[in-house]
């Protein structure tokens, strides 16, 4: 079903049916085992999985992706396994702490390893920040645009002490925002995933024509 079909017939599939067809990858851009970013990203991942999405996770505390070096980056067990997850994903959720108004070096390193694999896919951004994390969201969206990917028109920011306690999201306001993000990722992620398949298989002009085999 194309994007136009879904716009004509929004009742065609329920949200649960949409989720069942969706592959999601969550990325925790923090190496700390006590990372609150992990707590929030995993909360979204759990919501997506509960809705029926097929979920993969990448967590720097569990897997060490070496620092990007163009001469050695595209090899090794971690990269090879991660590339498979990235290629399978229709939706990717990025999480990072706010370090001096910028994303973490760990998350930037993840992004540096890929390019064409991101094209046409939908991204959601999560930032742990004592302020609003706006510049961090903007930096991640800039990377997405450069890679011809889509991003939600908003990101979710949170504060450690106010919103998270250990492995749990405690703030009702943050829970509500994350539920909204999960819902939007399912709905718009499936629309874009369907159109991406059509465009890659088709012959009409468009930005994804550059990625046809």
N, C-alpha and C. Protein backbone atom coordinates (compact mmCIF):
# COMPACT_ATOMS: atom_id res chain seq x y z
N UNK A 1 0.84 -1.19 0.00
CA UNK A 1 0.00 0.00 0.00
C UNK A 1 0.88 1.24 0.00
N UNK A 2 0.59 2.17 -0.92
CA UNK A 2 1.39 3.38 -1.04
C UNK A 2 0.93 4.43 -0.03
N UNK A 3 1.73 5.50 0.05
CA UNK A 3 1.39 6.61 0.94
C UNK A 3 0.04 7.21 0.56
N UNK A 4 -0.22 7.34 -0.74
CA UNK A 4 -1.50 7.92 -1.19
C UNK A 4 -2.66 7.02 -0.78
N UNK A 5 -2.47 5.70 -0.89
CA UNK A 5 -3.52 4.77 -0.46
C UNK A 5 -3.84 4.96 1.02
N UNK A 6 -2.81 5.11 1.84
CA UNK A 6 -3.02 5.26 3.28
C UNK A 6 -3.69 6.59 3.60
N UNK A 7 -3.41 7.61 2.82
CA UNK A 7 -4.06 8.90 3.03
C UNK A 7 -5.54 8.83 2.65
N UNK A 8 -5.86 8.04 1.63
CA UNK A 8 -7.25 7.89 1.20
C UNK A 8 -8.04 7.04 2.18
N UNK A 9 -7.36 6.02 2.72
CA UNK A 9 -8.05 5.06 3.57
C UNK A 9 -7.34 4.92 4.91
N UNK A 10 -7.44 5.92 5.78
CA UNK A 10 -6.72 5.87 7.05
C UNK A 10 -7.20 4.77 7.97
N UNK A 11 -8.41 4.23 7.71
CA UNK A 11 -8.95 3.16 8.55
C UNK A 11 -8.48 1.80 8.08
N UNK A 12 -7.66 1.74 7.06
CA UNK A 12 -7.31 0.47 6.41
C UNK A 12 -6.69 -0.52 7.38
N UNK A 13 -5.79 -0.05 8.26
CA UNK A 13 -5.14 -0.93 9.22
C UNK A 13 -5.18 -0.32 10.61
N UNK A 14 -5.36 -1.14 11.61
CA UNK A 14 -5.30 -0.67 12.99
C UNK A 14 -3.86 -0.40 13.37
N UNK A 15 -3.66 0.32 14.49
CA UNK A 15 -2.31 0.63 14.94
C UNK A 15 -1.55 -0.65 15.30
N UNK A 16 -2.25 -1.64 15.86
CA UNK A 16 -1.60 -2.90 16.20
C UNK A 16 -1.09 -3.60 14.95
N UNK A 17 -1.90 -3.56 13.88
CA UNK A 17 -1.48 -4.18 12.63
C UNK A 17 -0.28 -3.45 12.04
N UNK A 18 -0.29 -2.12 12.14
CA UNK A 18 0.85 -1.33 11.67
C UNK A 18 2.12 -1.75 12.40
N UNK A 19 2.02 -1.88 13.72
CA UNK A 19 3.19 -2.19 14.54
C UNK A 19 3.75 -3.56 14.22
N UNK A 20 2.88 -4.52 13.91
CA UNK A 20 3.33 -5.88 13.64
C UNK A 20 4.24 -5.96 12.42
N UNK A 21 4.14 -4.98 11.55
CA UNK A 21 4.94 -4.97 10.32
C UNK A 21 6.19 -4.11 10.43
N UNK A 22 6.48 -3.60 11.63
CA UNK A 22 7.52 -2.60 11.78
C UNK A 22 8.74 -3.14 12.53
N UNK A 23 9.93 -2.88 11.97
CA UNK A 23 11.19 -3.22 12.62
C UNK A 23 11.78 -1.96 13.25
N UNK A 24 12.13 -2.05 14.53
CA UNK A 24 12.62 -0.89 15.28
C UNK A 24 13.99 -1.20 15.87
N UNK A 25 14.88 -0.21 15.82
CA UNK A 25 16.18 -0.30 16.48
C UNK A 25 16.30 0.86 17.46
N UNK A 26 16.62 0.55 18.73
CA UNK A 26 16.91 1.60 19.70
C UNK A 26 18.41 1.65 19.94
N UNK A 27 18.94 2.87 20.10
CA UNK A 27 20.37 3.07 20.27
C UNK A 27 20.61 3.89 21.54
N UNK A 28 21.33 3.32 22.49
CA UNK A 28 21.69 4.02 23.72
C UNK A 28 23.10 4.59 23.55
N UNK A 29 23.20 5.90 23.40
CA UNK A 29 24.49 6.54 23.15
C UNK A 29 25.19 6.95 24.43
N UNK A 30 25.33 6.00 25.35
CA UNK A 30 26.01 6.26 26.62
C UNK A 30 26.65 4.97 27.09
N UNK A 31 27.91 5.04 27.49
CA UNK A 31 28.63 3.84 27.91
C UNK A 31 28.41 3.50 29.38
N UNK A 32 27.87 4.40 30.16
CA UNK A 32 27.70 4.18 31.60
C UNK A 32 26.63 3.13 31.87
N UNK A 33 26.92 2.22 32.80
CA UNK A 33 25.95 1.20 33.17
C UNK A 33 24.78 1.79 33.96
N UNK A 34 24.97 2.99 34.53
CA UNK A 34 23.91 3.64 35.31
C UNK A 34 23.24 4.76 34.52
N UNK A 35 23.33 4.69 33.22
CA UNK A 35 22.82 5.75 32.36
C UNK A 35 21.30 5.89 32.47
N UNK A 36 20.84 7.12 32.73
CA UNK A 36 19.40 7.38 32.70
C UNK A 36 18.89 7.44 31.26
N UNK A 37 19.77 7.75 30.32
CA UNK A 37 19.39 7.71 28.91
C UNK A 37 18.93 6.30 28.55
N UNK A 38 19.63 5.30 29.05
CA UNK A 38 19.24 3.91 28.79
C UNK A 38 17.84 3.63 29.33
N UNK A 39 17.56 4.12 30.53
CA UNK A 39 16.25 3.90 31.14
C UNK A 39 15.13 4.44 30.25
N UNK A 40 15.32 5.64 29.75
CA UNK A 40 14.27 6.28 28.95
C UNK A 40 14.16 5.63 27.57
N UNK A 41 15.28 5.36 26.93
CA UNK A 41 15.25 4.70 25.62
C UNK A 41 14.61 3.32 25.73
N UNK A 42 14.97 2.58 26.76
CA UNK A 42 14.38 1.25 26.95
C UNK A 42 12.88 1.33 27.23
N UNK A 43 12.46 2.39 27.90
CA UNK A 43 11.03 2.59 28.15
C UNK A 43 10.27 2.71 26.82
N UNK A 44 10.80 3.51 25.92
CA UNK A 44 10.18 3.65 24.59
C UNK A 44 10.24 2.32 23.84
N UNK A 45 11.39 1.66 23.90
CA UNK A 45 11.53 0.37 23.24
C UNK A 45 10.51 -0.63 23.74
N UNK A 46 10.29 -0.65 25.04
CA UNK A 46 9.30 -1.58 25.61
C UNK A 46 7.89 -1.25 25.13
N UNK A 47 7.57 0.04 25.04
CA UNK A 47 6.26 0.44 24.53
C UNK A 47 6.07 -0.02 23.09
N UNK A 48 7.10 0.14 22.29
CA UNK A 48 7.02 -0.26 20.89
C UNK A 48 6.90 -1.78 20.76
N UNK A 49 7.65 -2.49 21.58
CA UNK A 49 7.58 -3.95 21.54
C UNK A 49 6.22 -4.44 22.01
N UNK A 50 5.67 -3.82 23.03
CA UNK A 50 4.35 -4.20 23.53
C UNK A 50 3.26 -3.94 22.49
N UNK A 51 3.48 -2.96 21.63
CA UNK A 51 2.49 -2.67 20.59
C UNK A 51 2.58 -3.64 19.42
N UNK A 52 3.64 -4.45 19.39
CA UNK A 52 3.77 -5.46 18.35
C UNK A 52 4.96 -5.30 17.43
N UNK A 53 5.76 -4.24 17.62
CA UNK A 53 6.94 -4.04 16.77
C UNK A 53 7.99 -5.11 17.04
N UNK A 54 8.78 -5.40 16.01
CA UNK A 54 9.95 -6.27 16.17
C UNK A 54 11.11 -5.38 16.59
N UNK A 55 11.64 -5.62 17.79
CA UNK A 55 12.59 -4.69 18.40
C UNK A 55 14.00 -5.27 18.47
N UNK A 56 14.97 -4.46 18.03
CA UNK A 56 16.39 -4.73 18.26
C UNK A 56 16.95 -3.57 19.06
N UNK A 57 17.99 -3.86 19.85
CA UNK A 57 18.61 -2.83 20.67
C UNK A 57 20.12 -2.80 20.41
N UNK A 58 20.69 -1.60 20.48
CA UNK A 58 22.14 -1.46 20.51
C UNK A 58 22.49 -0.59 21.70
N UNK A 59 23.35 -1.12 22.57
CA UNK A 59 23.68 -0.46 23.82
C UNK A 59 25.19 -0.51 24.02
N UNK A 60 25.81 0.67 24.11
CA UNK A 60 27.27 0.72 24.25
C UNK A 60 27.77 0.06 25.53
N UNK A 61 26.92 -0.06 26.55
CA UNK A 61 27.34 -0.72 27.79
C UNK A 61 27.46 -2.23 27.60
N UNK A 62 26.86 -2.75 26.53
CA UNK A 62 26.88 -4.19 26.27
C UNK A 62 27.75 -4.55 25.07
N UNK A 63 27.89 -3.63 24.13
CA UNK A 63 28.67 -3.90 22.91
C UNK A 63 29.57 -2.69 22.63
N UNK A 64 30.81 -2.95 22.32
CA UNK A 64 31.77 -1.88 22.09
C UNK A 64 32.02 -1.70 20.60
N UNK A 65 31.41 -0.69 20.02
CA UNK A 65 31.66 -0.35 18.63
C UNK A 65 32.92 0.51 18.58
N UNK A 66 33.98 0.03 17.94
CA UNK A 66 35.25 0.78 17.94
C UNK A 66 35.11 2.17 17.34
N UNK A 67 36.00 3.06 17.74
CA UNK A 67 36.02 4.41 17.20
C UNK A 67 36.16 4.36 15.69
N UNK A 68 35.36 5.18 15.00
CA UNK A 68 35.33 5.12 13.54
C UNK A 68 36.68 5.46 12.93
N UNK A 69 37.15 4.56 12.09
CA UNK A 69 38.36 4.74 11.29
C UNK A 69 38.02 4.19 9.92
N UNK A 70 38.05 5.03 8.91
CA UNK A 70 37.59 4.63 7.58
C UNK A 70 38.34 3.41 7.05
N UNK A 71 39.56 3.18 7.52
CA UNK A 71 40.35 2.05 7.03
C UNK A 71 39.98 0.73 7.70
N UNK A 72 39.38 0.80 8.88
CA UNK A 72 39.09 -0.43 9.62
C UNK A 72 37.64 -0.55 10.08
N UNK A 73 36.84 0.48 9.85
CA UNK A 73 35.51 0.54 10.46
C UNK A 73 34.54 -0.52 9.95
N UNK A 74 34.66 -0.88 8.67
CA UNK A 74 33.64 -1.72 8.06
C UNK A 74 33.99 -3.19 8.14
N UNK A 75 34.27 -3.62 9.34
CA UNK A 75 34.60 -5.01 9.60
C UNK A 75 34.47 -5.27 11.08
N UNK A 76 34.70 -6.48 11.48
CA UNK A 76 34.58 -6.82 12.89
C UNK A 76 33.19 -7.32 13.22
N UNK A 77 33.09 -8.12 14.26
CA UNK A 77 31.83 -8.76 14.61
C UNK A 77 30.76 -7.76 15.06
N UNK A 78 31.15 -6.77 15.85
CA UNK A 78 30.17 -5.82 16.36
C UNK A 78 29.56 -5.01 15.22
N UNK A 79 30.40 -4.48 14.33
CA UNK A 79 29.89 -3.70 13.21
C UNK A 79 29.02 -4.55 12.30
N UNK A 80 29.46 -5.75 11.99
CA UNK A 80 28.71 -6.62 11.07
C UNK A 80 27.33 -6.93 11.61
N UNK A 81 27.24 -7.25 12.90
CA UNK A 81 25.94 -7.55 13.51
C UNK A 81 25.07 -6.29 13.58
N UNK A 82 25.70 -5.15 13.89
CA UNK A 82 24.95 -3.90 14.00
C UNK A 82 24.44 -3.45 12.63
N UNK A 83 25.24 -3.61 11.60
CA UNK A 83 24.81 -3.21 10.26
C UNK A 83 23.56 -3.97 9.85
N UNK A 84 23.48 -5.23 10.19
CA UNK A 84 22.30 -6.03 9.88
C UNK A 84 21.07 -5.45 10.56
N UNK A 85 21.22 -5.05 11.83
CA UNK A 85 20.10 -4.46 12.57
C UNK A 85 19.68 -3.12 11.96
N UNK A 86 20.66 -2.31 11.56
CA UNK A 86 20.36 -1.01 10.98
C UNK A 86 19.64 -1.17 9.65
N UNK A 87 20.09 -2.10 8.82
CA UNK A 87 19.46 -2.32 7.52
C UNK A 87 18.03 -2.85 7.68
N UNK A 88 17.80 -3.68 8.69
CA UNK A 88 16.46 -4.22 8.92
C UNK A 88 15.49 -3.17 9.43
N UNK A 89 16.00 -2.17 10.13
CA UNK A 89 15.15 -1.22 10.84
C UNK A 89 14.35 -0.33 9.89
N UNK A 90 13.08 -0.13 10.22
CA UNK A 90 12.24 0.88 9.57
C UNK A 90 12.26 2.17 10.39
N UNK A 91 12.42 2.02 11.69
CA UNK A 91 12.43 3.13 12.64
C UNK A 91 13.64 2.99 13.55
N UNK A 92 14.33 4.10 13.82
CA UNK A 92 15.49 4.09 14.71
C UNK A 92 15.29 5.17 15.78
N UNK A 93 15.45 4.77 17.04
CA UNK A 93 15.33 5.70 18.16
C UNK A 93 16.72 5.96 18.72
N UNK A 94 17.13 7.23 18.72
CA UNK A 94 18.45 7.62 19.20
C UNK A 94 18.33 8.27 20.57
N UNK A 95 19.16 7.83 21.52
CA UNK A 95 19.20 8.43 22.84
C UNK A 95 20.59 8.87 23.21
N UNK A 96 20.72 10.07 23.77
CA UNK A 96 22.03 10.59 24.16
C UNK A 96 21.90 11.56 25.32
N UNK A 97 22.90 11.63 26.18
CA UNK A 97 22.95 12.74 27.14
C UNK A 97 23.39 14.01 26.42
N UNK A 98 23.09 15.13 27.04
CA UNK A 98 23.51 16.44 26.53
C UNK A 98 24.88 16.76 27.12
N UNK A 99 25.91 16.73 26.27
CA UNK A 99 27.26 17.07 26.70
C UNK A 99 27.65 18.41 26.09
N UNK A 100 27.63 19.47 26.89
CA UNK A 100 28.02 20.80 26.42
C UNK A 100 27.22 21.23 25.19
N UNK A 101 25.93 20.91 25.18
CA UNK A 101 25.08 21.30 24.06
C UNK A 101 25.23 20.43 22.84
N UNK A 102 25.86 19.27 22.99
CA UNK A 102 26.10 18.39 21.85
C UNK A 102 25.78 16.95 22.23
N UNK A 103 25.67 16.09 21.23
CA UNK A 103 25.44 14.67 21.47
C UNK A 103 26.71 14.02 22.01
N UNK A 104 26.58 12.86 22.59
CA UNK A 104 27.73 12.14 23.13
C UNK A 104 28.63 11.64 22.00
N UNK A 105 29.91 11.45 22.30
CA UNK A 105 30.84 10.91 21.31
C UNK A 105 30.43 9.49 20.92
N UNK A 106 29.83 8.75 21.86
CA UNK A 106 29.40 7.38 21.56
C UNK A 106 28.31 7.38 20.49
N UNK A 107 27.32 8.26 20.62
CA UNK A 107 26.26 8.30 19.62
C UNK A 107 26.79 8.79 18.28
N UNK A 108 27.64 9.81 18.32
CA UNK A 108 28.23 10.31 17.06
C UNK A 108 29.01 9.20 16.37
N UNK A 109 29.69 8.38 17.15
CA UNK A 109 30.44 7.27 16.58
C UNK A 109 29.52 6.27 15.89
N UNK A 110 28.37 5.99 16.51
CA UNK A 110 27.38 5.12 15.86
C UNK A 110 26.95 5.70 14.52
N UNK A 111 26.61 6.98 14.52
CA UNK A 111 26.14 7.62 13.29
C UNK A 111 27.21 7.64 12.22
N UNK A 112 28.47 7.80 12.61
CA UNK A 112 29.56 7.87 11.65
C UNK A 112 29.72 6.57 10.85
N UNK A 113 29.27 5.46 11.39
CA UNK A 113 29.47 4.16 10.74
C UNK A 113 28.46 3.88 9.62
N UNK A 114 27.43 4.73 9.50
CA UNK A 114 26.38 4.43 8.52
C UNK A 114 26.01 5.68 7.72
N UNK A 115 25.36 5.45 6.59
CA UNK A 115 24.93 6.55 5.74
C UNK A 115 23.74 6.11 4.90
N UNK A 116 24.01 5.37 3.83
CA UNK A 116 22.92 4.96 2.94
C UNK A 116 21.90 4.08 3.66
N UNK A 117 22.32 3.40 4.71
CA UNK A 117 21.40 2.53 5.45
C UNK A 117 20.29 3.32 6.14
N UNK A 118 20.50 4.64 6.32
CA UNK A 118 19.50 5.47 7.00
C UNK A 118 18.45 6.05 6.05
N UNK A 119 18.73 6.07 4.77
CA UNK A 119 17.90 6.80 3.81
C UNK A 119 16.45 6.34 3.83
N UNK A 120 15.54 7.30 3.93
CA UNK A 120 14.11 7.02 3.86
C UNK A 120 13.50 6.48 5.13
N UNK A 121 14.28 6.35 6.20
CA UNK A 121 13.77 5.79 7.45
C UNK A 121 13.41 6.90 8.44
N UNK A 122 12.61 6.54 9.44
CA UNK A 122 12.15 7.52 10.42
C UNK A 122 12.94 7.40 11.72
N UNK A 123 13.35 8.54 12.25
CA UNK A 123 14.12 8.60 13.49
C UNK A 123 13.35 9.37 14.57
N UNK A 124 13.50 8.90 15.80
CA UNK A 124 13.03 9.63 16.97
C UNK A 124 14.23 9.96 17.84
N UNK A 125 14.23 11.12 18.48
CA UNK A 125 15.40 11.55 19.26
C UNK A 125 15.01 11.80 20.72
N UNK A 126 15.88 11.30 21.62
CA UNK A 126 15.69 11.45 23.06
C UNK A 126 16.97 12.02 23.66
N UNK A 127 16.84 13.04 24.51
CA UNK A 127 18.01 13.71 25.08
C UNK A 127 17.84 13.88 26.58
N UNK A 128 18.83 13.44 27.34
CA UNK A 128 18.88 13.72 28.76
C UNK A 128 19.63 15.02 28.99
N UNK A 129 18.94 16.03 29.51
CA UNK A 129 19.55 17.36 29.60
C UNK A 129 19.04 18.11 30.83
N UNK A 130 19.92 18.88 31.47
CA UNK A 130 19.50 19.75 32.57
C UNK A 130 18.82 21.00 32.03
N UNK A 131 18.96 21.23 30.72
CA UNK A 131 18.24 22.31 30.07
C UNK A 131 17.21 21.66 29.14
N UNK A 132 17.03 22.14 27.94
CA UNK A 132 16.02 21.57 27.05
C UNK A 132 16.60 20.63 26.00
N UNK A 133 17.92 20.66 25.84
CA UNK A 133 18.54 19.77 24.87
C UNK A 133 18.23 20.10 23.42
N UNK A 134 17.80 21.33 23.15
CA UNK A 134 17.35 21.68 21.80
C UNK A 134 18.47 21.58 20.77
N UNK A 135 19.66 22.06 21.12
CA UNK A 135 20.76 22.00 20.15
C UNK A 135 21.16 20.55 19.86
N UNK A 136 21.00 19.68 20.84
CA UNK A 136 21.34 18.27 20.63
C UNK A 136 20.35 17.62 19.66
N UNK A 137 19.06 17.89 19.86
CA UNK A 137 18.05 17.39 18.92
C UNK A 137 18.34 17.90 17.51
N UNK A 138 18.67 19.19 17.41
CA UNK A 138 18.94 19.78 16.10
C UNK A 138 20.14 19.13 15.42
N UNK A 139 21.17 18.82 16.20
CA UNK A 139 22.35 18.17 15.62
C UNK A 139 22.02 16.79 15.07
N UNK A 140 21.23 16.04 15.81
CA UNK A 140 20.84 14.72 15.32
C UNK A 140 19.98 14.83 14.07
N UNK A 141 19.07 15.81 14.04
CA UNK A 141 18.24 16.00 12.85
C UNK A 141 19.09 16.43 11.65
N UNK A 142 20.12 17.21 11.90
CA UNK A 142 21.02 17.60 10.81
C UNK A 142 21.69 16.38 10.19
N UNK A 143 22.14 15.46 11.03
CA UNK A 143 22.72 14.22 10.52
C UNK A 143 21.69 13.45 9.70
N UNK A 144 20.46 13.40 10.19
CA UNK A 144 19.41 12.67 9.47
C UNK A 144 19.16 13.27 8.08
N UNK A 145 19.09 14.59 8.02
CA UNK A 145 18.88 15.25 6.73
C UNK A 145 20.02 14.95 5.77
N UNK A 146 21.25 14.97 6.27
CA UNK A 146 22.41 14.69 5.43
C UNK A 146 22.38 13.26 4.89
N UNK A 147 21.73 12.37 5.64
CA UNK A 147 21.63 10.97 5.23
C UNK A 147 20.31 10.66 4.54
N UNK A 148 19.55 11.69 4.17
CA UNK A 148 18.27 11.54 3.47
C UNK A 148 17.27 10.70 4.26
N UNK A 149 17.26 10.90 5.59
CA UNK A 149 16.30 10.22 6.46
C UNK A 149 15.28 11.23 6.96
N UNK A 150 14.23 10.71 7.55
CA UNK A 150 13.19 11.53 8.16
C UNK A 150 13.35 11.52 9.67
N UNK A 151 12.88 12.57 10.33
CA UNK A 151 12.84 12.58 11.79
C UNK A 151 11.49 13.14 12.23
N UNK A 152 11.03 12.70 13.40
CA UNK A 152 9.82 13.29 13.95
C UNK A 152 10.02 14.79 14.10
N UNK A 153 8.96 15.58 13.99
CA UNK A 153 9.10 17.04 14.07
C UNK A 153 9.33 17.54 15.49
N UNK A 154 9.57 16.63 16.41
CA UNK A 154 9.86 17.00 17.79
C UNK A 154 10.77 15.93 18.39
N UNK A 155 11.41 16.26 19.49
CA UNK A 155 12.17 15.28 20.25
C UNK A 155 11.69 15.30 21.69
N UNK A 156 12.11 14.32 22.46
CA UNK A 156 11.74 14.26 23.88
C UNK A 156 12.99 14.47 24.72
N UNK A 157 12.94 15.46 25.61
CA UNK A 157 14.03 15.72 26.54
C UNK A 157 13.56 15.39 27.96
N UNK A 158 14.51 15.04 28.81
CA UNK A 158 14.16 14.72 30.19
C UNK A 158 15.29 15.16 31.12
N UNK A 159 14.97 15.24 32.41
CA UNK A 159 15.96 15.56 33.44
C UNK A 159 16.09 14.38 34.39
N UNK A 160 17.33 14.07 34.75
CA UNK A 160 17.60 12.88 35.55
C UNK A 160 16.75 12.79 36.81
N UNK A 161 16.93 13.73 37.72
CA UNK A 161 16.31 13.64 39.03
C UNK A 161 14.80 13.85 38.98
N UNK A 162 14.34 14.65 38.05
CA UNK A 162 12.92 14.96 37.98
C UNK A 162 12.09 13.86 37.31
N UNK A 163 12.71 13.10 36.41
CA UNK A 163 11.94 12.19 35.57
C UNK A 163 12.28 10.71 35.72
N UNK A 164 13.45 10.40 36.29
CA UNK A 164 13.93 9.01 36.29
C UNK A 164 14.44 8.64 37.67
N UNK A 165 14.16 7.41 38.07
CA UNK A 165 14.70 6.86 39.31
C UNK A 165 15.20 5.45 39.03
N UNK A 166 16.52 5.30 38.93
CA UNK A 166 17.09 3.99 38.64
C UNK A 166 16.69 3.50 37.26
N UNK A 167 16.02 2.35 37.21
CA UNK A 167 15.61 1.76 35.94
C UNK A 167 14.18 2.11 35.56
N UNK A 168 13.61 3.11 36.22
CA UNK A 168 12.20 3.43 35.98
C UNK A 168 12.01 4.90 35.62
N UNK A 169 11.11 5.14 34.68
CA UNK A 169 10.63 6.49 34.41
C UNK A 169 9.54 6.79 35.42
N UNK A 170 9.72 7.83 36.23
CA UNK A 170 8.80 8.11 37.32
C UNK A 170 7.86 9.28 37.05
N UNK A 171 8.23 10.15 36.15
CA UNK A 171 7.43 11.34 35.85
C UNK A 171 6.26 10.98 34.94
N UNK A 172 5.04 11.33 35.36
CA UNK A 172 3.87 11.07 34.53
C UNK A 172 3.91 11.90 33.25
N UNK A 173 4.47 13.10 33.35
CA UNK A 173 4.58 13.96 32.17
C UNK A 173 5.49 13.32 31.13
N UNK A 174 6.63 12.78 31.58
CA UNK A 174 7.54 12.13 30.64
C UNK A 174 6.93 10.85 30.08
N UNK A 175 6.25 10.08 30.91
CA UNK A 175 5.59 8.87 30.43
C UNK A 175 4.62 9.20 29.30
N UNK A 176 3.86 10.28 29.48
CA UNK A 176 2.90 10.69 28.46
C UNK A 176 3.59 11.08 27.16
N UNK A 177 4.70 11.81 27.26
CA UNK A 177 5.45 12.20 26.06
C UNK A 177 6.00 10.97 25.34
N UNK A 178 6.48 10.01 26.09
CA UNK A 178 7.06 8.81 25.48
C UNK A 178 5.99 7.93 24.85
N UNK A 179 4.81 7.90 25.44
CA UNK A 179 3.70 7.17 24.84
C UNK A 179 3.31 7.81 23.51
N UNK A 180 3.30 9.14 23.49
CA UNK A 180 3.01 9.84 22.24
C UNK A 180 4.06 9.58 21.18
N UNK A 181 5.32 9.59 21.59
CA UNK A 181 6.40 9.31 20.64
C UNK A 181 6.28 7.90 20.08
N UNK A 182 6.03 6.92 20.93
CA UNK A 182 5.90 5.54 20.47
C UNK A 182 4.76 5.41 19.48
N UNK A 183 3.64 6.07 19.77
CA UNK A 183 2.49 6.04 18.87
C UNK A 183 2.83 6.66 17.52
N UNK A 184 3.47 7.81 17.53
CA UNK A 184 3.84 8.49 16.28
C UNK A 184 4.85 7.67 15.48
N UNK A 185 5.79 7.04 16.16
CA UNK A 185 6.79 6.23 15.46
C UNK A 185 6.13 5.05 14.74
N UNK A 186 5.12 4.47 15.35
CA UNK A 186 4.41 3.36 14.71
C UNK A 186 3.64 3.84 13.48
N UNK A 187 2.83 4.88 13.67
CA UNK A 187 1.96 5.34 12.59
C UNK A 187 2.76 5.88 11.40
N UNK A 188 3.63 6.85 11.67
CA UNK A 188 4.37 7.48 10.58
C UNK A 188 5.53 6.61 10.11
N UNK A 189 6.06 5.79 11.01
CA UNK A 189 7.10 4.85 10.60
C UNK A 189 6.59 3.87 9.57
N UNK A 190 5.36 3.37 9.75
CA UNK A 190 4.82 2.41 8.79
C UNK A 190 4.48 3.07 7.46
N UNK A 191 3.94 4.28 7.52
CA UNK A 191 3.66 5.01 6.28
C UNK A 191 4.94 5.17 5.46
N UNK A 192 6.00 5.63 6.11
CA UNK A 192 7.26 5.86 5.40
C UNK A 192 7.91 4.55 4.97
N UNK A 193 7.79 3.51 5.78
CA UNK A 193 8.37 2.21 5.42
C UNK A 193 7.69 1.65 4.17
N UNK A 194 6.37 1.77 4.11
CA UNK A 194 5.65 1.29 2.93
C UNK A 194 6.06 2.05 1.68
N UNK A 195 6.13 3.38 1.81
CA UNK A 195 6.50 4.19 0.65
C UNK A 195 7.95 3.95 0.24
N UNK A 196 8.81 3.72 1.21
CA UNK A 196 10.22 3.43 0.92
C UNK A 196 10.34 2.17 0.06
N UNK A 197 9.59 1.14 0.41
CA UNK A 197 9.62 -0.10 -0.37
C UNK A 197 9.13 0.13 -1.79
N UNK A 198 8.05 0.91 -1.92
CA UNK A 198 7.51 1.21 -3.24
C UNK A 198 8.53 1.98 -4.07
N UNK A 199 9.14 2.99 -3.47
CA UNK A 199 10.10 3.83 -4.21
C UNK A 199 11.35 3.06 -4.61
N UNK A 200 11.83 2.20 -3.74
CA UNK A 200 13.04 1.43 -4.06
C UNK A 200 12.77 0.40 -5.15
N UNK A 201 11.55 -0.09 -5.20
CA UNK A 201 11.21 -1.11 -6.21
C UNK A 201 10.74 -0.49 -7.52
N UNK A 202 10.44 0.81 -7.50
CA UNK A 202 9.85 1.45 -8.67
C UNK A 202 10.86 2.03 -9.63
N UNK A 203 10.35 2.86 -10.54
CA UNK A 203 11.21 3.48 -11.55
C UNK A 203 10.98 4.99 -11.66
N UNK A 204 10.08 5.52 -10.85
CA UNK A 204 9.78 6.94 -10.91
C UNK A 204 10.88 7.75 -10.21
N UNK A 205 11.04 9.03 -10.62
CA UNK A 205 12.07 9.85 -9.99
C UNK A 205 11.72 10.18 -8.54
N UNK A 206 12.74 10.45 -7.76
CA UNK A 206 12.57 10.77 -6.35
C UNK A 206 13.90 10.53 -5.65
N UNK A 207 14.02 11.00 -4.41
CA UNK A 207 15.33 10.92 -3.76
C UNK A 207 15.77 9.48 -3.52
N UNK A 208 14.83 8.56 -3.33
CA UNK A 208 15.21 7.17 -3.10
C UNK A 208 15.62 6.44 -4.38
N UNK A 209 15.42 7.08 -5.53
CA UNK A 209 15.86 6.45 -6.78
C UNK A 209 17.37 6.26 -6.79
N UNK A 210 18.09 7.08 -6.02
CA UNK A 210 19.55 6.96 -5.95
C UNK A 210 20.00 5.72 -5.20
N UNK A 211 19.07 5.09 -4.48
CA UNK A 211 19.42 3.93 -3.64
C UNK A 211 18.92 2.62 -4.22
N UNK A 212 18.39 2.66 -5.44
CA UNK A 212 17.93 1.43 -6.08
C UNK A 212 19.12 0.59 -6.53
N UNK A 213 18.96 -0.71 -6.42
CA UNK A 213 20.04 -1.61 -6.83
C UNK A 213 19.93 -1.91 -8.32
